[in-house]
């Protein structure tokens, strides 16, 4: 039972990361029906920006909470601006083109951003400061680290904030209206271009937060770290129902739990396989996902 509880804590922690990344996929798809395969690179970029600013703030003697909050804010802001630039350069000119053209542009942008990280940051892992990741609570043999508690708490806060933004504010209503019908939204005065850019920015900011969490949790970041988590988060978005925000959250936690429990009880060597097995199964048996996609008038 103690081993099960430890794996449960680990699964919730990993699922929190996947949920944040999956939200970016599902929000962009809900607005413009695009699978943004460059989204994983925003996750990696956020991890790098976080370690750079965190190391600098620590060297200046800043308190731990200033280092964490400052790095999070700066990384999320940087990745939000990067995502808006990518949308303007790579996706907006192809908005009326075929889906294959946009998909190829997304794959090309992913390679471009990944190689940009490699050229600017190097091919070796960049370690995160260890001063902020030590300590935790012990319950027998079960360990709940401060870092795990921080990851789950921050994820919960960001998920609640996103739901409030999307379902309780004028901006969220404009986003849902644009997702439902761009032409009618434009007729009532909604600037669809601005809403699309904002959606990219929000998704990238959440991915940047996840990048810092992963860097702190595992102790380092790498230029190609966004590829595999990005694909798993895409599987989570499909599992929950691509285009459905609640479904992306649920899918992220399911993928994280399955990966951790499969690694703990079956084999850690095949932990990356199970997410893709789930993705294939969902596409075969239930393409709309667990929650499906809201297509009725209650969206707005």
Protein backbone atom coordinates (compact mmCIF):
# COMPACT_ATOMS: atom_id res chain seq x y z
CA UNK A 1 0.00 0.00 0.00
CA UNK A 2 2.83 2.44 0.79
CA UNK A 3 4.43 1.69 -2.58
CA UNK A 4 1.06 2.30 -4.25
CA UNK A 5 0.66 5.64 -2.46
CA UNK A 6 4.16 6.70 -3.51
CA UNK A 7 3.41 5.88 -7.13
CA UNK A 8 0.10 7.73 -6.84
CA UNK A 9 1.92 10.89 -5.68
CA UNK A 10 4.43 10.53 -8.50
CA UNK A 11 1.64 9.99 -11.02
CA UNK A 12 -0.27 13.09 -9.93
CA UNK A 13 2.93 15.12 -10.16
CA UNK A 14 3.74 13.93 -13.68
CA UNK A 15 0.11 14.23 -14.74
CA UNK A 16 0.11 17.86 -13.62
CA UNK A 17 2.90 18.60 -16.10
CA UNK A 18 1.18 16.78 -18.96
CA UNK A 19 -2.10 18.55 -18.20
CA UNK A 20 -0.51 22.00 -18.51
CA UNK A 21 1.15 21.12 -21.83
CA UNK A 22 -2.00 19.44 -23.19
CA UNK A 23 -4.04 22.60 -22.57
CA UNK A 24 -1.95 24.45 -25.16
CA UNK A 25 -2.67 21.81 -27.79
CA UNK A 26 -6.37 21.70 -27.10
CA UNK A 27 -6.88 25.49 -26.91
CA UNK A 28 -5.14 26.12 -30.24
CA UNK A 29 -7.04 23.29 -31.89
CA UNK A 30 -10.32 24.57 -30.50
CA UNK A 31 -9.71 28.00 -32.05
CA UNK A 32 -8.20 27.26 -35.48
CA UNK A 33 -8.23 23.41 -35.74
CA UNK A 34 -4.42 23.27 -35.80
CA UNK A 35 -2.21 20.68 -34.10
CA UNK A 36 0.68 22.92 -33.06
CA UNK A 37 3.58 20.46 -33.01
CA UNK A 38 5.92 23.31 -32.10
CA UNK A 39 4.19 23.53 -28.72
CA UNK A 40 6.70 21.21 -27.05
CA UNK A 41 9.48 23.66 -27.87
CA UNK A 42 7.75 26.37 -25.82
CA UNK A 43 7.90 23.91 -22.94
CA UNK A 44 11.67 23.49 -23.46
CA UNK A 45 12.23 27.24 -23.92
CA UNK A 46 10.42 27.95 -20.66
CA UNK A 47 12.71 25.52 -18.86
CA UNK A 48 15.79 27.29 -20.22
CA UNK A 49 14.56 30.79 -19.45
CA UNK A 50 13.67 29.60 -15.95
CA UNK A 51 17.11 28.17 -15.18
CA UNK A 52 18.89 31.26 -16.53
CA UNK A 53 16.90 33.75 -14.45
CA UNK A 54 16.73 31.49 -11.40
CA UNK A 55 20.51 31.06 -11.34
CA UNK A 56 20.98 34.80 -11.74
CA UNK A 57 18.55 35.70 -8.95
CA UNK A 58 20.13 33.17 -6.60
CA UNK A 59 23.58 34.59 -7.33
CA UNK A 60 22.23 38.00 -6.29
CA UNK A 61 21.04 36.61 -2.95
CA UNK A 62 17.32 36.77 -3.69
CA UNK A 63 14.96 34.75 -1.46
CA UNK A 64 13.65 31.41 -2.72
CA UNK A 65 10.09 32.67 -3.34
CA UNK A 66 11.42 35.61 -5.37
CA UNK A 67 13.53 33.24 -7.49
CA UNK A 68 10.61 30.92 -8.17
CA UNK A 69 7.94 33.54 -8.82
CA UNK A 70 10.25 35.82 -10.79
CA UNK A 71 11.49 33.00 -13.00
CA UNK A 72 7.96 31.75 -13.61
CA UNK A 73 6.66 35.17 -14.59
CA UNK A 74 9.59 35.93 -16.88
CA UNK A 75 9.56 32.50 -18.55
CA UNK A 76 5.80 32.58 -19.10
CA UNK A 77 5.97 36.10 -20.54
CA UNK A 78 8.88 35.20 -22.84
CA UNK A 79 7.20 32.06 -24.19
CA UNK A 80 3.90 33.92 -24.65
CA UNK A 81 5.63 36.50 -26.84
CA UNK A 82 7.54 33.77 -28.69
CA UNK A 83 4.30 31.92 -29.41
CA UNK A 84 2.62 35.06 -30.74
CA UNK A 85 5.62 35.68 -33.02
CA UNK A 86 5.49 32.08 -34.28
CA UNK A 87 1.77 32.41 -34.97
CA UNK A 88 2.26 35.62 -36.93
CA UNK A 89 5.20 34.31 -38.97
CA UNK A 90 4.40 30.64 -39.56
CA UNK A 91 0.66 30.10 -39.14
CA UNK A 92 -1.24 33.28 -39.97
CA UNK A 93 -0.11 33.42 -43.65
CA UNK A 94 -1.31 29.81 -44.07
CA UNK A 95 -4.62 30.18 -42.27
CA UNK A 96 -6.63 29.72 -45.46
CA UNK A 97 -4.35 27.01 -46.87
CA UNK A 98 -4.82 23.27 -46.64
CA UNK A 99 -4.39 21.53 -43.31
CA UNK A 100 -1.42 19.62 -44.68
CA UNK A 101 0.42 22.88 -45.39
CA UNK A 102 -0.18 24.16 -41.86
CA UNK A 103 0.83 20.81 -40.37
CA UNK A 104 4.12 20.87 -42.29
CA UNK A 105 4.69 24.45 -41.13
CA UNK A 106 4.17 23.35 -37.52
CA UNK A 107 6.66 20.50 -37.88
CA UNK A 108 9.16 22.83 -39.55
CA UNK A 109 8.77 25.41 -36.79
CA UNK A 110 9.32 22.70 -34.18
CA UNK A 111 12.63 21.71 -35.81
CA UNK A 112 13.62 25.38 -36.18
CA UNK A 113 12.97 26.21 -32.52
CA UNK A 114 14.66 23.05 -31.26
CA UNK A 115 17.78 23.75 -33.29
CA UNK A 116 17.70 27.36 -32.11
CA UNK A 117 17.83 26.12 -28.51
CA UNK A 118 20.68 23.76 -29.39
CA UNK A 119 22.74 26.50 -31.04
CA UNK A 120 22.18 29.10 -28.31
CA UNK A 121 22.26 26.86 -25.20
CA UNK A 122 24.44 23.93 -26.29
CA UNK A 123 23.83 20.21 -26.52
CA UNK A 124 24.59 19.40 -22.89
CA UNK A 125 22.13 19.39 -20.00
CA UNK A 126 21.86 22.64 -18.08
CA UNK A 127 21.46 21.94 -14.33
CA UNK A 128 18.88 23.70 -12.18
CA UNK A 129 19.87 25.07 -8.76
CA UNK A 130 19.36 22.44 -6.07
CA UNK A 131 18.80 24.90 -3.22
CA UNK A 132 15.07 25.12 -3.97
CA UNK A 133 14.28 21.40 -4.32
CA UNK A 134 15.37 19.90 -1.03
CA UNK A 135 13.19 18.60 1.80
CA UNK A 136 9.69 17.24 2.13
CA UNK A 137 7.26 15.26 4.26
CA UNK A 138 7.74 11.60 5.18
CA UNK A 139 4.88 9.25 6.06
CA UNK A 140 6.57 5.95 6.77
CA UNK A 141 8.22 5.03 3.49
CA UNK A 142 6.03 7.45 1.51
CA UNK A 143 7.79 10.70 0.55
CA UNK A 144 6.05 13.89 -0.51
CA UNK A 145 8.72 16.40 -1.46
CA UNK A 146 8.26 20.14 -1.31
CA UNK A 147 8.85 20.19 -5.06
CA UNK A 148 5.98 17.77 -5.72
CA UNK A 149 3.69 19.80 -3.49
CA UNK A 150 4.72 22.97 -5.33
CA UNK A 151 4.09 21.41 -8.75
CA UNK A 152 0.62 20.12 -7.86
CA UNK A 153 -0.37 23.36 -6.09
CA UNK A 154 0.81 25.60 -8.94
CA UNK A 155 -0.90 23.39 -11.51
CA UNK A 156 -4.17 23.53 -9.58
CA UNK A 157 -3.92 27.33 -9.38
CA UNK A 158 -3.19 27.69 -13.10
CA UNK A 159 -6.03 25.33 -14.06
CA UNK A 160 -8.52 27.23 -11.91
CA UNK A 161 -7.28 30.55 -13.30
CA UNK A 162 -7.61 29.28 -16.88
CA UNK A 163 -11.15 28.00 -16.30
CA UNK A 164 -12.10 31.34 -14.77
CA UNK A 165 -10.60 33.19 -17.73
CA UNK A 166 -12.31 31.04 -20.35
CA UNK A 167 -15.75 30.69 -18.78
CA UNK A 168 -16.20 33.80 -16.61
CA UNK A 169 -14.63 36.72 -18.48
CA UNK A 170 -15.29 38.74 -21.63
CA UNK A 171 -12.01 37.53 -23.13
CA UNK A 172 -13.02 33.94 -22.51
CA UNK A 173 -16.40 34.54 -24.11
CA UNK A 174 -14.63 36.04 -27.14
CA UNK A 175 -12.37 32.96 -27.31
CA UNK A 176 -15.33 30.58 -27.19
CA UNK A 177 -17.21 32.66 -29.72
CA UNK A 178 -14.25 32.64 -32.12
CA UNK A 179 -13.92 28.88 -31.73
CA UNK A 180 -17.61 28.44 -32.51
CA UNK A 181 -17.91 30.73 -35.55
CA UNK A 182 -15.20 33.15 -36.67
CA UNK A 183 -17.39 34.95 -39.22
CA UNK A 184 -20.23 35.68 -36.83
CA UNK A 185 -17.74 36.67 -34.14
CA UNK A 186 -16.23 39.22 -36.51
CA UNK A 187 -19.70 40.60 -37.27
CA UNK A 188 -20.26 41.41 -33.59
CA UNK A 189 -16.91 43.17 -33.30
CA UNK A 190 -14.55 40.44 -32.05
CA UNK A 191 -11.03 40.71 -33.45
CA UNK A 192 -10.35 37.06 -34.31
CA UNK A 193 -6.66 37.68 -35.09
CA UNK A 194 -6.08 39.13 -31.64
CA UNK A 195 -7.99 36.26 -29.99
CA UNK A 196 -5.98 33.65 -31.88
CA UNK A 197 -2.69 35.29 -30.85
CA UNK A 198 -3.89 35.46 -27.25
CA UNK A 199 -4.77 31.77 -27.32
CA UNK A 200 -1.29 30.87 -28.53
CA UNK A 201 0.21 33.08 -25.81
CA UNK A 202 -1.82 31.49 -23.00
CA UNK A 203 -1.02 27.96 -24.13
CA UNK A 204 2.70 28.73 -24.41
CA UNK A 205 2.75 30.40 -20.99
CA UNK A 206 1.28 27.26 -19.41
CA UNK A 207 3.86 25.13 -21.23
CA UNK A 208 6.64 27.40 -19.95
CA UNK A 209 5.44 26.89 -16.37
CA UNK A 210 5.51 23.14 -16.97
CA UNK A 211 9.07 23.43 -18.32
CA UNK A 212 10.27 25.07 -15.12
CA UNK A 213 8.50 22.43 -13.04
CA UNK A 214 10.20 19.63 -14.95
CA UNK A 215 13.58 21.35 -14.68
CA UNK A 216 13.23 21.73 -10.93
CA UNK A 217 11.85 18.20 -10.47
CA UNK A 218 14.45 16.34 -12.53
CA UNK A 219 17.31 18.78 -11.91
CA UNK A 220 18.19 19.81 -15.45
CA UNK A 221 16.88 20.81 -18.88
CA UNK A 222 17.98 19.84 -22.38
CA UNK A 223 17.42 21.42 -25.80
CA UNK A 224 15.35 18.47 -27.10
CA UNK A 225 13.38 17.88 -23.89
CA UNK A 226 10.15 19.16 -25.44
CA UNK A 227 9.66 16.44 -28.04
CA UNK A 228 8.59 13.38 -26.02
CA UNK A 229 6.54 15.28 -23.37
CA UNK A 230 4.94 17.22 -26.20
CA UNK A 231 3.83 14.04 -27.95
CA UNK A 232 2.55 12.59 -24.67
CA UNK A 233 0.64 15.80 -23.95
CA UNK A 234 -0.86 15.58 -27.44
CA UNK A 235 -1.95 12.03 -26.59
CA UNK A 236 -3.49 13.41 -23.39
CA UNK A 237 -5.38 16.08 -25.35
CA UNK A 238 -6.73 13.44 -27.75
CA UNK A 239 -7.62 11.15 -24.86
CA UNK A 240 -9.61 13.87 -23.11
CA UNK A 241 -11.20 15.17 -26.32
CA UNK A 242 -9.18 17.51 -28.51
CA UNK A 243 -10.60 21.01 -28.21
CA UNK A 244 -12.07 20.34 -24.75
CA UNK A 245 -10.26 22.11 -21.89
CA UNK A 246 -11.63 19.90 -19.13
CA UNK A 247 -10.85 16.83 -21.21
CA UNK A 248 -7.23 17.93 -21.66
CA UNK A 249 -6.82 18.26 -17.88
CA UNK A 250 -8.29 14.80 -17.27
CA UNK A 251 -6.28 13.27 -20.10
CA UNK A 252 -3.04 14.72 -18.76
CA UNK A 253 -3.57 13.21 -15.33
CA UNK A 254 -4.57 9.84 -16.83
CA UNK A 255 -1.46 9.69 -19.02
CA UNK A 256 0.76 10.62 -16.07
CA UNK A 257 -0.82 8.01 -13.82
CA UNK A 258 -0.65 5.26 -16.44
CA UNK A 259 3.01 6.01 -17.18
CA UNK A 260 4.08 5.99 -13.52
CA UNK A 261 2.10 2.88 -12.54
CA UNK A 262 3.21 1.00 -15.67
CA UNK A 263 6.84 1.89 -14.93
CA UNK A 264 6.44 0.90 -11.28
CA UNK A 265 4.56 -2.37 -11.71
CA UNK A 266 5.57 -3.54 -15.20
CA UNK A 267 8.84 -2.06 -16.50
CA UNK A 268 10.44 1.36 -16.53
CA UNK A 269 12.10 0.60 -19.86
CA UNK A 270 8.75 0.77 -21.65
CA UNK A 271 7.21 3.72 -19.81
CA UNK A 272 7.17 5.88 -22.95
CA UNK A 273 5.27 3.20 -24.87
CA UNK A 274 2.11 3.21 -22.80
CA UNK A 275 1.10 6.78 -23.69
CA UNK A 276 1.25 5.92 -27.37
CA UNK A 277 -0.68 2.69 -26.83
CA UNK A 278 -3.42 4.77 -25.19
CA UNK A 279 -3.33 7.25 -28.09
CA UNK A 280 -3.75 4.47 -30.68
CA UNK A 281 -6.54 2.87 -28.65
CA UNK A 282 -8.43 6.14 -28.27
CA UNK A 283 -8.12 6.95 -31.98
CA UNK A 284 -9.40 3.49 -32.84
CA UNK A 285 -12.23 3.02 -30.33
CA UNK A 286 -13.28 6.58 -29.37
CA UNK A 287 -11.85 9.26 -31.68
CA UNK A 288 -13.79 12.03 -29.93
CA UNK A 289 -12.04 11.27 -26.61
CA UNK A 290 -13.43 10.86 -23.12
CA UNK A 291 -15.17 14.22 -22.90
CA UNK A 292 -15.67 14.78 -26.62
CA UNK A 293 -15.91 18.29 -28.04
CA UNK A 294 -18.64 20.80 -27.16
CA UNK A 295 -20.43 21.64 -30.36
CA UNK A 296 -23.76 23.01 -29.14
CA UNK A 297 -24.82 26.57 -28.40
CA UNK A 298 -23.85 26.35 -24.73
CA UNK A 299 -20.23 26.96 -25.69
CA UNK A 300 -20.82 30.72 -25.67
